[in-house]
């Protein structure tokens, strides 16, 4: 089984925030693959099905981003689940321009509290991630935490949504061929 963990914050207040672009992409994947509606199970919302012959589950933690790792603890207990091959985390990235995507096999949390939480829960940085660019504030006096919790401008949101077709293809490549193939094909500016 492949698990896709989409980072975001619960609640209407954060629905359109930069921090929730992982959830936006998760919703796009669910629609593209005609998956059933999300079911709330404990502290997560989940959907899943078969995608290109592979069992896939999309997980949205229903806790704040900085506690996202709690959603992966149960995955570690599954005997047939290999974190390095079977987990892909969808996450916002202020270091990438709006709409830019980057797939990575592993890496540091890069100051992202959600990735730090996932890394702590897994006790390893060795999990794949798809970073979705949301850009940085143009004014250094703006706090990054406030920036990612704010709603995107219309043009930035359009840039992000315009890249989702390619992002879906990258996720499908990861499902079928693994992270290296997905990185080689979809990590372009």
N, C-alpha and C. Protein backbone atom coordinates (compact mmCIF):
# COMPACT_ATOMS: atom_id res chain seq x y z
N UNK A 1 0.83 -1.18 0.00
CA UNK A 1 0.00 0.00 0.00
C UNK A 1 0.88 1.25 0.00
N UNK A 2 0.47 2.24 -0.78
CA UNK A 2 1.13 3.54 -0.81
C UNK A 2 0.29 4.50 0.03
N UNK A 3 0.96 5.30 0.85
CA UNK A 3 0.27 6.29 1.67
C UNK A 3 0.73 7.68 1.26
N UNK A 4 -0.23 8.57 1.08
CA UNK A 4 0.05 9.96 0.76
C UNK A 4 -0.46 10.78 1.94
N UNK A 5 0.46 11.44 2.63
CA UNK A 5 0.13 12.25 3.80
C UNK A 5 0.13 13.71 3.37
N UNK A 6 -1.02 14.35 3.43
CA UNK A 6 -1.16 15.74 3.01
C UNK A 6 -1.20 16.64 4.23
N UNK A 7 -0.23 17.55 4.33
CA UNK A 7 -0.17 18.43 5.49
C UNK A 7 -1.07 19.65 5.29
N UNK A 8 -1.73 20.04 6.36
CA UNK A 8 -2.62 21.19 6.35
C UNK A 8 -3.21 21.38 7.72
N UNK A 9 -3.90 22.48 7.91
CA UNK A 9 -4.55 22.78 9.19
C UNK A 9 -6.05 22.59 9.06
N UNK A 10 -6.68 22.02 10.09
CA UNK A 10 -8.14 21.86 10.06
C UNK A 10 -8.85 23.18 10.33
N UNK A 11 -10.08 23.25 9.94
CA UNK A 11 -10.92 24.41 10.25
C UNK A 11 -11.06 25.37 9.07
N UNK A 12 -12.21 26.02 9.02
CA UNK A 12 -12.53 26.95 7.92
C UNK A 12 -11.54 28.11 7.85
N UNK A 13 -11.03 28.51 8.99
CA UNK A 13 -10.11 29.65 9.04
C UNK A 13 -8.89 29.43 8.17
N UNK A 14 -8.43 28.20 8.06
CA UNK A 14 -7.19 27.89 7.34
C UNK A 14 -7.41 27.28 5.96
N UNK A 15 -8.64 27.07 5.60
CA UNK A 15 -8.98 26.37 4.36
C UNK A 15 -8.23 26.89 3.14
N UNK A 16 -8.13 28.20 2.99
CA UNK A 16 -7.50 28.80 1.82
C UNK A 16 -6.08 29.30 2.09
N UNK A 17 -5.48 28.87 3.18
CA UNK A 17 -4.14 29.36 3.53
C UNK A 17 -3.05 28.63 2.73
N UNK A 18 -1.89 29.25 2.66
CA UNK A 18 -0.74 28.65 1.99
C UNK A 18 -0.37 27.31 2.61
N UNK A 19 -0.52 27.21 3.92
CA UNK A 19 -0.16 25.98 4.63
C UNK A 19 -1.02 24.80 4.20
N UNK A 20 -2.15 25.06 3.55
CA UNK A 20 -3.07 23.98 3.19
C UNK A 20 -2.95 23.52 1.74
N UNK A 21 -1.92 23.95 1.02
CA UNK A 21 -1.83 23.51 -0.38
C UNK A 21 -1.64 22.00 -0.50
N UNK A 22 -1.09 21.36 0.52
CA UNK A 22 -1.00 19.89 0.51
C UNK A 22 -2.38 19.26 0.50
N UNK A 23 -3.30 19.84 1.26
CA UNK A 23 -4.69 19.36 1.27
C UNK A 23 -5.35 19.62 -0.08
N UNK A 24 -5.04 20.78 -0.68
CA UNK A 24 -5.62 21.09 -1.99
C UNK A 24 -5.22 20.03 -2.99
N UNK A 25 -3.94 19.68 -2.99
CA UNK A 25 -3.47 18.67 -3.95
C UNK A 25 -4.07 17.31 -3.62
N UNK A 26 -4.20 16.98 -2.35
CA UNK A 26 -4.82 15.71 -1.96
C UNK A 26 -6.25 15.63 -2.50
N UNK A 27 -6.98 16.73 -2.39
CA UNK A 27 -8.36 16.76 -2.91
C UNK A 27 -8.36 16.58 -4.43
N UNK A 28 -7.41 17.21 -5.10
CA UNK A 28 -7.31 17.06 -6.55
C UNK A 28 -7.01 15.61 -6.93
N UNK A 29 -6.11 14.96 -6.18
CA UNK A 29 -5.81 13.55 -6.43
C UNK A 29 -7.06 12.69 -6.25
N UNK A 30 -7.79 12.93 -5.18
CA UNK A 30 -9.01 12.16 -4.93
C UNK A 30 -10.03 12.30 -6.05
N UNK A 31 -10.20 13.53 -6.56
CA UNK A 31 -11.14 13.74 -7.67
C UNK A 31 -10.62 13.08 -8.95
N UNK A 32 -9.34 13.25 -9.24
CA UNK A 32 -8.76 12.68 -10.46
C UNK A 32 -8.91 11.17 -10.47
N UNK A 33 -8.72 10.55 -9.32
CA UNK A 33 -8.77 9.09 -9.23
C UNK A 33 -10.16 8.56 -8.86
N UNK A 34 -11.15 9.44 -8.77
CA UNK A 34 -12.54 9.07 -8.43
C UNK A 34 -12.61 8.27 -7.12
N UNK A 35 -11.89 8.73 -6.11
CA UNK A 35 -11.91 8.07 -4.81
C UNK A 35 -13.16 8.48 -4.05
N UNK A 36 -13.59 7.66 -3.09
CA UNK A 36 -14.77 8.02 -2.30
C UNK A 36 -14.48 9.24 -1.41
N UNK A 37 -15.52 9.85 -0.86
CA UNK A 37 -15.32 10.99 0.05
C UNK A 37 -14.44 10.59 1.24
N UNK A 38 -13.78 11.59 1.82
CA UNK A 38 -12.96 11.34 3.01
C UNK A 38 -13.84 10.87 4.16
N UNK A 39 -13.30 9.95 4.95
CA UNK A 39 -13.95 9.50 6.18
C UNK A 39 -13.08 9.95 7.35
N UNK A 40 -13.71 10.53 8.36
CA UNK A 40 -12.95 10.90 9.55
C UNK A 40 -12.79 9.68 10.43
N UNK A 41 -11.54 9.39 10.76
CA UNK A 41 -11.19 8.26 11.62
C UNK A 41 -10.22 8.79 12.67
N UNK A 42 -10.71 8.97 13.88
CA UNK A 42 -9.85 9.51 14.92
C UNK A 42 -9.39 10.91 14.55
N UNK A 43 -8.08 11.10 14.48
CA UNK A 43 -7.50 12.41 14.19
C UNK A 43 -7.10 12.58 12.73
N UNK A 44 -7.72 11.79 11.84
CA UNK A 44 -7.40 11.91 10.42
C UNK A 44 -8.67 11.83 9.58
N UNK A 45 -8.56 12.35 8.36
CA UNK A 45 -9.58 12.14 7.33
C UNK A 45 -8.88 11.31 6.26
N UNK A 46 -9.52 10.26 5.79
CA UNK A 46 -8.88 9.32 4.87
C UNK A 46 -9.79 8.96 3.71
N UNK A 47 -9.14 8.71 2.59
CA UNK A 47 -9.81 8.13 1.44
C UNK A 47 -8.80 7.22 0.77
N UNK A 48 -9.28 6.35 -0.07
CA UNK A 48 -8.34 5.46 -0.75
C UNK A 48 -9.02 4.60 -1.78
N UNK A 49 -8.21 3.85 -2.48
CA UNK A 49 -8.68 2.96 -3.51
C UNK A 49 -7.50 2.41 -4.28
N UNK A 50 -7.78 1.94 -5.48
CA UNK A 50 -6.73 1.40 -6.33
C UNK A 50 -6.41 2.41 -7.42
N UNK A 51 -5.12 2.72 -7.55
CA UNK A 51 -4.64 3.67 -8.54
C UNK A 51 -3.55 2.99 -9.34
N UNK A 52 -3.78 2.81 -10.64
CA UNK A 52 -2.82 2.13 -11.51
C UNK A 52 -2.40 0.77 -10.93
N UNK A 53 -3.39 0.04 -10.42
CA UNK A 53 -3.14 -1.30 -9.90
C UNK A 53 -2.52 -1.35 -8.52
N UNK A 54 -2.38 -0.23 -7.86
CA UNK A 54 -1.73 -0.15 -6.55
C UNK A 54 -2.72 0.39 -5.51
N UNK A 55 -2.78 -0.24 -4.35
CA UNK A 55 -3.61 0.28 -3.26
C UNK A 55 -2.99 1.58 -2.76
N UNK A 56 -3.83 2.62 -2.67
CA UNK A 56 -3.36 3.95 -2.26
C UNK A 56 -4.32 4.49 -1.21
N UNK A 57 -3.75 5.12 -0.17
CA UNK A 57 -4.55 5.80 0.84
C UNK A 57 -4.05 7.23 0.95
N UNK A 58 -4.98 8.19 0.94
CA UNK A 58 -4.65 9.59 1.16
C UNK A 58 -5.10 9.93 2.58
N UNK A 59 -4.18 10.54 3.33
CA UNK A 59 -4.43 10.85 4.74
C UNK A 59 -4.24 12.34 4.97
N UNK A 60 -5.25 12.96 5.59
CA UNK A 60 -5.15 14.35 6.02
C UNK A 60 -5.20 14.35 7.55
N UNK A 61 -4.10 14.70 8.21
CA UNK A 61 -4.17 14.82 9.68
C UNK A 61 -5.15 15.93 10.05
N UNK A 62 -5.95 15.71 11.06
CA UNK A 62 -6.92 16.71 11.50
C UNK A 62 -6.41 17.47 12.72
N UNK A 63 -5.12 17.40 12.94
CA UNK A 63 -4.45 18.22 13.96
C UNK A 63 -3.68 19.28 13.22
N UNK A 64 -3.20 20.27 13.93
CA UNK A 64 -2.45 21.33 13.27
C UNK A 64 -1.16 20.79 12.67
N UNK A 65 -0.65 21.51 11.69
CA UNK A 65 0.51 21.07 10.91
C UNK A 65 1.66 20.62 11.80
N UNK A 66 1.93 21.35 12.87
CA UNK A 66 3.08 21.01 13.72
C UNK A 66 2.89 19.71 14.49
N UNK A 67 1.73 19.06 14.35
CA UNK A 67 1.49 17.75 14.98
C UNK A 67 1.14 16.69 13.93
N UNK A 68 1.50 16.93 12.70
CA UNK A 68 1.16 16.02 11.59
C UNK A 68 1.76 14.64 11.74
N UNK A 69 2.89 14.55 12.39
CA UNK A 69 3.57 13.25 12.52
C UNK A 69 2.76 12.20 13.24
N UNK A 70 1.85 12.63 14.09
CA UNK A 70 1.02 11.67 14.82
C UNK A 70 0.24 10.76 13.87
N UNK A 71 -0.04 11.25 12.68
CA UNK A 71 -0.82 10.46 11.71
C UNK A 71 -0.01 9.33 11.07
N UNK A 72 1.31 9.36 11.19
CA UNK A 72 2.12 8.30 10.55
C UNK A 72 2.56 7.22 11.52
N UNK A 73 2.33 7.42 12.80
CA UNK A 73 2.77 6.41 13.78
C UNK A 73 2.19 5.04 13.48
N UNK A 74 0.90 4.98 13.16
CA UNK A 74 0.28 3.67 12.90
C UNK A 74 0.81 3.04 11.62
N UNK A 75 1.24 3.84 10.66
CA UNK A 75 1.80 3.28 9.43
C UNK A 75 3.08 2.51 9.73
N UNK A 76 3.88 3.01 10.65
CA UNK A 76 5.13 2.33 11.00
C UNK A 76 4.89 0.94 11.55
N UNK A 77 3.73 0.70 12.15
CA UNK A 77 3.45 -0.60 12.75
C UNK A 77 3.04 -1.66 11.72
N UNK A 78 2.72 -1.25 10.50
CA UNK A 78 2.31 -2.21 9.48
C UNK A 78 3.53 -2.93 8.92
N UNK A 79 3.49 -4.25 8.96
CA UNK A 79 4.63 -5.05 8.50
C UNK A 79 4.95 -4.85 7.03
N UNK A 80 3.92 -4.66 6.21
CA UNK A 80 4.12 -4.55 4.76
C UNK A 80 4.38 -3.12 4.30
N UNK A 81 4.56 -2.20 5.24
CA UNK A 81 4.75 -0.80 4.89
C UNK A 81 6.21 -0.42 5.09
N UNK A 82 6.83 0.08 4.02
CA UNK A 82 8.23 0.50 4.06
C UNK A 82 8.26 2.00 3.81
N UNK A 83 8.53 2.75 4.86
CA UNK A 83 8.42 4.20 4.83
C UNK A 83 9.15 4.82 3.64
N UNK A 84 10.38 4.41 3.40
CA UNK A 84 11.18 5.03 2.33
C UNK A 84 10.56 4.84 0.95
N UNK A 85 9.81 3.76 0.73
CA UNK A 85 9.21 3.49 -0.58
C UNK A 85 7.72 3.79 -0.64
N UNK A 86 7.03 3.72 0.50
CA UNK A 86 5.58 3.72 0.49
C UNK A 86 4.91 5.00 1.01
N UNK A 87 5.69 5.98 1.46
CA UNK A 87 5.11 7.21 2.00
C UNK A 87 5.54 8.41 1.16
N UNK A 88 4.56 9.25 0.81
CA UNK A 88 4.82 10.52 0.14
C UNK A 88 4.08 11.61 0.91
N UNK A 89 4.81 12.64 1.33
CA UNK A 89 4.22 13.74 2.08
C UNK A 89 4.04 14.93 1.13
N UNK A 90 2.84 15.50 1.10
CA UNK A 90 2.53 16.70 0.31
C UNK A 90 2.60 17.90 1.24
N UNK A 91 3.45 18.88 0.90
CA UNK A 91 3.72 19.95 1.84
C UNK A 91 3.97 21.28 1.12
N UNK A 92 3.60 22.38 1.76
CA UNK A 92 3.89 23.72 1.24
C UNK A 92 5.36 24.05 1.47
N UNK A 93 5.91 24.92 0.62
CA UNK A 93 7.32 25.31 0.74
C UNK A 93 7.47 26.79 0.39
N UNK A 94 7.91 27.60 1.38
CA UNK A 94 8.09 29.03 1.15
C UNK A 94 9.36 29.32 0.35
N UNK A 95 10.24 28.36 0.21
CA UNK A 95 11.50 28.57 -0.51
C UNK A 95 11.34 28.37 -2.01
N UNK A 96 10.20 27.87 -2.42
CA UNK A 96 9.91 27.69 -3.85
C UNK A 96 8.89 28.73 -4.29
N UNK A 97 9.02 29.18 -5.53
CA UNK A 97 8.07 30.14 -6.09
C UNK A 97 6.68 29.51 -6.17
N UNK A 98 5.63 30.32 -6.10
CA UNK A 98 4.28 29.77 -6.19
C UNK A 98 4.12 28.90 -7.44
N UNK A 99 3.64 27.69 -7.21
CA UNK A 99 3.40 26.76 -8.30
C UNK A 99 4.56 25.87 -8.66
N UNK A 100 5.74 26.15 -8.15
CA UNK A 100 6.89 25.28 -8.43
C UNK A 100 6.76 24.04 -7.56
N UNK A 101 7.09 22.87 -8.10
CA UNK A 101 7.06 21.64 -7.30
C UNK A 101 8.44 21.00 -7.29
N UNK A 102 8.73 20.29 -6.20
CA UNK A 102 9.98 19.55 -6.06
C UNK A 102 9.68 18.23 -5.36
N UNK A 103 10.04 17.16 -5.98
CA UNK A 103 9.96 15.84 -5.35
C UNK A 103 11.34 15.54 -4.78
N UNK A 104 11.37 14.96 -3.57
CA UNK A 104 12.62 14.60 -2.93
C UNK A 104 12.48 13.24 -2.26
N UNK A 105 13.57 12.48 -2.29
CA UNK A 105 13.61 11.18 -1.64
C UNK A 105 13.68 11.34 -0.12
N UNK A 106 14.41 12.32 0.34
CA UNK A 106 14.59 12.56 1.77
C UNK A 106 15.14 13.96 1.93
N UNK A 107 15.40 14.36 3.15
CA UNK A 107 15.98 15.67 3.38
C UNK A 107 15.64 16.20 4.74
N UNK A 108 16.07 17.41 4.99
CA UNK A 108 15.78 18.03 6.28
C UNK A 108 14.37 18.61 6.25
N UNK A 109 13.90 18.96 7.43
CA UNK A 109 12.60 19.59 7.54
C UNK A 109 12.65 21.02 7.00
N UNK A 110 13.83 21.60 6.90
CA UNK A 110 13.99 22.94 6.33
C UNK A 110 13.20 24.01 7.06
N UNK A 111 13.03 23.85 8.36
CA UNK A 111 12.28 24.83 9.14
C UNK A 111 10.78 24.63 9.11
N UNK A 112 10.30 23.61 8.41
CA UNK A 112 8.85 23.35 8.33
C UNK A 112 8.45 22.48 9.52
N UNK A 113 7.59 23.01 10.38
CA UNK A 113 7.22 22.29 11.60
C UNK A 113 6.46 21.00 11.32
N UNK A 114 5.70 20.95 10.24
CA UNK A 114 4.99 19.71 9.89
C UNK A 114 5.96 18.61 9.51
N UNK A 115 6.96 18.94 8.68
CA UNK A 115 7.96 17.93 8.31
C UNK A 115 8.78 17.52 9.52
N UNK A 116 9.08 18.45 10.42
CA UNK A 116 9.81 18.10 11.64
C UNK A 116 9.01 17.12 12.48
N UNK A 117 7.70 17.32 12.56
CA UNK A 117 6.83 16.41 13.31
C UNK A 117 6.81 15.02 12.67
N UNK A 118 6.73 14.97 11.34
CA UNK A 118 6.75 13.68 10.64
C UNK A 118 8.08 12.98 10.89
N UNK A 119 9.17 13.73 10.78
CA UNK A 119 10.50 13.16 10.99
C UNK A 119 10.64 12.59 12.41
N UNK A 120 10.14 13.32 13.41
CA UNK A 120 10.20 12.83 14.79
C UNK A 120 9.39 11.53 14.93
N UNK A 121 8.21 11.50 14.35
CA UNK A 121 7.36 10.32 14.47
C UNK A 121 7.97 9.10 13.78
N UNK A 122 8.63 9.34 12.64
CA UNK A 122 9.25 8.24 11.89
C UNK A 122 10.64 7.90 12.41
N UNK A 123 11.20 8.82 13.20
CA UNK A 123 12.57 8.69 13.68
C UNK A 123 13.56 8.61 12.53
N UNK A 124 13.24 9.34 11.45
CA UNK A 124 14.08 9.32 10.26
C UNK A 124 13.65 10.41 9.29
N UNK A 125 14.61 10.98 8.55
CA UNK A 125 14.26 11.92 7.47
C UNK A 125 14.09 11.21 6.13
N UNK A 126 14.13 9.89 6.15
CA UNK A 126 14.10 9.10 4.91
C UNK A 126 12.67 8.74 4.52
N UNK A 127 11.98 9.73 3.99
CA UNK A 127 10.65 9.54 3.43
C UNK A 127 10.53 10.54 2.28
N UNK A 128 9.75 10.20 1.29
CA UNK A 128 9.61 11.06 0.11
C UNK A 128 8.65 12.19 0.41
N UNK A 129 8.90 13.31 -0.27
CA UNK A 129 8.01 14.45 -0.12
C UNK A 129 7.87 15.17 -1.44
N UNK A 130 6.70 15.76 -1.63
CA UNK A 130 6.45 16.62 -2.78
C UNK A 130 6.20 18.01 -2.20
N UNK A 131 7.14 18.91 -2.46
CA UNK A 131 7.06 20.27 -1.96
C UNK A 131 6.35 21.13 -3.00
N UNK A 132 5.38 21.92 -2.55
CA UNK A 132 4.61 22.79 -3.42
C UNK A 132 4.93 24.24 -3.05
N UNK A 133 5.49 24.97 -3.99
CA UNK A 133 5.90 26.34 -3.72
C UNK A 133 4.74 27.27 -3.45
N UNK A 134 4.88 28.06 -2.38
CA UNK A 134 3.90 29.09 -2.05
C UNK A 134 4.56 30.46 -1.98
N UNK A 135 5.87 30.53 -2.22
CA UNK A 135 6.60 31.80 -2.22
C UNK A 135 6.83 32.35 -0.84
N UNK A 136 7.66 33.38 -0.81
CA UNK A 136 8.01 34.06 0.43
C UNK A 136 7.44 35.47 0.41
N UNK A 137 7.30 36.07 1.60
CA UNK A 137 6.86 37.46 1.61
C UNK A 137 7.95 38.36 1.02
N UNK A 138 7.53 39.42 0.37
CA UNK A 138 8.48 40.37 -0.23
C UNK A 138 9.06 41.32 0.81
N UNK A 139 8.46 41.34 1.98
CA UNK A 139 8.90 42.20 3.06
C UNK A 139 9.43 41.32 4.19
N UNK A 140 10.71 41.45 4.53
CA UNK A 140 11.33 40.62 5.56
C UNK A 140 10.75 40.84 6.95
N UNK A 141 9.97 41.90 7.13
CA UNK A 141 9.36 42.15 8.44
C UNK A 141 8.13 41.27 8.65
N UNK A 142 7.64 40.63 7.60
CA UNK A 142 6.47 39.75 7.73
C UNK A 142 6.94 38.40 8.27
N UNK A 143 6.31 37.97 9.34
CA UNK A 143 6.64 36.71 9.98
C UNK A 143 6.22 35.54 9.07
N UNK A 144 7.13 34.56 8.88
CA UNK A 144 6.82 33.42 8.00
C UNK A 144 5.63 32.62 8.50
N UNK A 145 5.47 32.49 9.81
CA UNK A 145 4.31 31.75 10.34
C UNK A 145 3.01 32.45 9.95
N UNK A 146 2.99 33.78 10.05
CA UNK A 146 1.80 34.52 9.64
C UNK A 146 1.58 34.38 8.13
N UNK A 147 2.66 34.40 7.37
CA UNK A 147 2.60 34.29 5.91
C UNK A 147 1.93 32.99 5.48
N UNK A 148 2.38 31.85 6.03
CA UNK A 148 1.83 30.57 5.58
C UNK A 148 0.40 30.35 6.07
N UNK A 149 0.00 31.06 7.13
CA UNK A 149 -1.37 30.92 7.63
C UNK A 149 -2.33 31.89 6.95
N UNK A 150 -1.79 32.76 6.10
CA UNK A 150 -2.63 33.73 5.39
C UNK A 150 -3.09 33.17 4.05
N UNK A 151 -4.15 33.77 3.52
CA UNK A 151 -4.67 33.40 2.21
C UNK A 151 -3.74 33.92 1.12
N UNK A 152 -3.56 33.16 0.08
CA UNK A 152 -2.71 33.56 -1.05
C UNK A 152 -3.39 34.63 -1.89
N UNK A 153 -2.56 35.41 -2.56
CA UNK A 153 -3.12 36.36 -3.54
C UNK A 153 -3.71 35.54 -4.68
N UNK A 154 -4.61 36.14 -5.43
CA UNK A 154 -5.24 35.44 -6.55
C UNK A 154 -4.24 34.93 -7.57
N UNK A 155 -3.24 35.73 -7.90
CA UNK A 155 -2.26 35.30 -8.92
C UNK A 155 -1.40 34.15 -8.41
N UNK A 156 -0.99 34.19 -7.12
CA UNK A 156 -0.21 33.08 -6.56
C UNK A 156 -1.04 31.80 -6.52
N UNK A 157 -2.30 31.93 -6.13
CA UNK A 157 -3.18 30.76 -6.10
C UNK A 157 -3.33 30.17 -7.50
N UNK A 158 -3.48 31.01 -8.50
CA UNK A 158 -3.59 30.53 -9.88
C UNK A 158 -2.34 29.77 -10.29
N UNK A 159 -1.16 30.28 -9.89
CA UNK A 159 0.11 29.59 -10.21
C UNK A 159 0.15 28.21 -9.57
N UNK A 160 -0.27 28.13 -8.32
CA UNK A 160 -0.27 26.85 -7.61
C UNK A 160 -1.23 25.87 -8.28
N UNK A 161 -2.45 26.31 -8.50
CA UNK A 161 -3.45 25.41 -9.09
C UNK A 161 -3.08 25.00 -10.51
N UNK A 162 -2.40 25.87 -11.24
CA UNK A 162 -2.01 25.56 -12.62
C UNK A 162 -0.97 24.43 -12.68
N UNK A 163 -0.22 24.24 -11.63
CA UNK A 163 0.80 23.19 -11.64
C UNK A 163 0.27 21.84 -11.14
N UNK A 164 -0.96 21.80 -10.66
CA UNK A 164 -1.49 20.55 -10.09
C UNK A 164 -1.59 19.42 -11.11
N UNK A 165 -1.82 19.72 -12.37
CA UNK A 165 -1.85 18.65 -13.38
C UNK A 165 -0.52 17.92 -13.42
N UNK A 166 0.57 18.68 -13.42
CA UNK A 166 1.91 18.09 -13.42
C UNK A 166 2.19 17.40 -12.09
N UNK A 167 1.73 17.98 -10.99
CA UNK A 167 1.92 17.37 -9.68
C UNK A 167 1.22 16.01 -9.60
N UNK A 168 0.00 15.93 -10.13
CA UNK A 168 -0.73 14.65 -10.15
C UNK A 168 0.07 13.62 -10.95
N UNK A 169 0.60 14.02 -12.09
CA UNK A 169 1.42 13.10 -12.89
C UNK A 169 2.65 12.65 -12.12
N UNK A 170 3.26 13.56 -11.36
CA UNK A 170 4.42 13.21 -10.55
C UNK A 170 4.07 12.19 -9.48
N UNK A 171 2.93 12.38 -8.83
CA UNK A 171 2.48 11.42 -7.80
C UNK A 171 2.19 10.07 -8.45
N UNK A 172 1.55 10.07 -9.60
CA UNK A 172 1.26 8.80 -10.29
C UNK A 172 2.56 8.10 -10.69
N UNK A 173 3.56 8.84 -11.12
CA UNK A 173 4.86 8.27 -11.45
C UNK A 173 5.48 7.65 -10.20
N UNK A 174 5.40 8.37 -9.06
CA UNK A 174 5.92 7.83 -7.79
C UNK A 174 5.22 6.51 -7.44
N UNK A 175 3.91 6.45 -7.61
CA UNK A 175 3.16 5.23 -7.30
C UNK A 175 3.64 4.07 -8.17
N UNK A 176 3.80 4.32 -9.46
CA UNK A 176 4.11 3.26 -10.41
C UNK A 176 5.60 2.91 -10.49
N UNK A 177 6.47 3.94 -10.41
CA UNK A 177 7.89 3.69 -10.69
C UNK A 177 8.84 4.10 -9.58
N UNK A 178 8.34 4.77 -8.55
CA UNK A 178 9.20 5.17 -7.44
C UNK A 178 9.65 6.62 -7.52
N UNK A 179 10.28 7.06 -6.45
CA UNK A 179 10.64 8.46 -6.30
C UNK A 179 11.72 8.91 -7.28
N UNK A 180 12.70 8.07 -7.58
CA UNK A 180 13.77 8.50 -8.49
C UNK A 180 13.21 8.85 -9.86
N UNK A 181 12.36 7.99 -10.39
CA UNK A 181 11.76 8.27 -11.70
C UNK A 181 10.93 9.55 -11.65
N UNK A 182 10.16 9.72 -10.57
CA UNK A 182 9.33 10.92 -10.44
C UNK A 182 10.19 12.18 -10.35
N UNK A 183 11.28 12.12 -9.61
CA UNK A 183 12.19 13.26 -9.50
C UNK A 183 12.79 13.60 -10.86
N UNK A 184 13.25 12.59 -11.56
CA UNK A 184 13.88 12.83 -12.87
C UNK A 184 12.94 13.45 -13.89
N UNK A 185 11.67 13.08 -13.84
CA UNK A 185 10.72 13.58 -14.82
C UNK A 185 10.04 14.90 -14.45
N UNK A 186 9.83 15.13 -13.15
CA UNK A 186 8.95 16.24 -12.75
C UNK A 186 9.63 17.36 -11.98
N UNK A 187 10.92 17.26 -11.70
CA UNK A 187 11.62 18.35 -11.01
C UNK A 187 12.21 19.30 -12.02
N UNK A 188 11.35 20.05 -12.69
CA UNK A 188 11.78 21.09 -13.63
C UNK A 188 11.19 22.40 -13.19
N UNK A 189 11.86 23.49 -13.55
CA UNK A 189 11.33 24.82 -13.18
C UNK A 189 10.15 25.19 -14.04
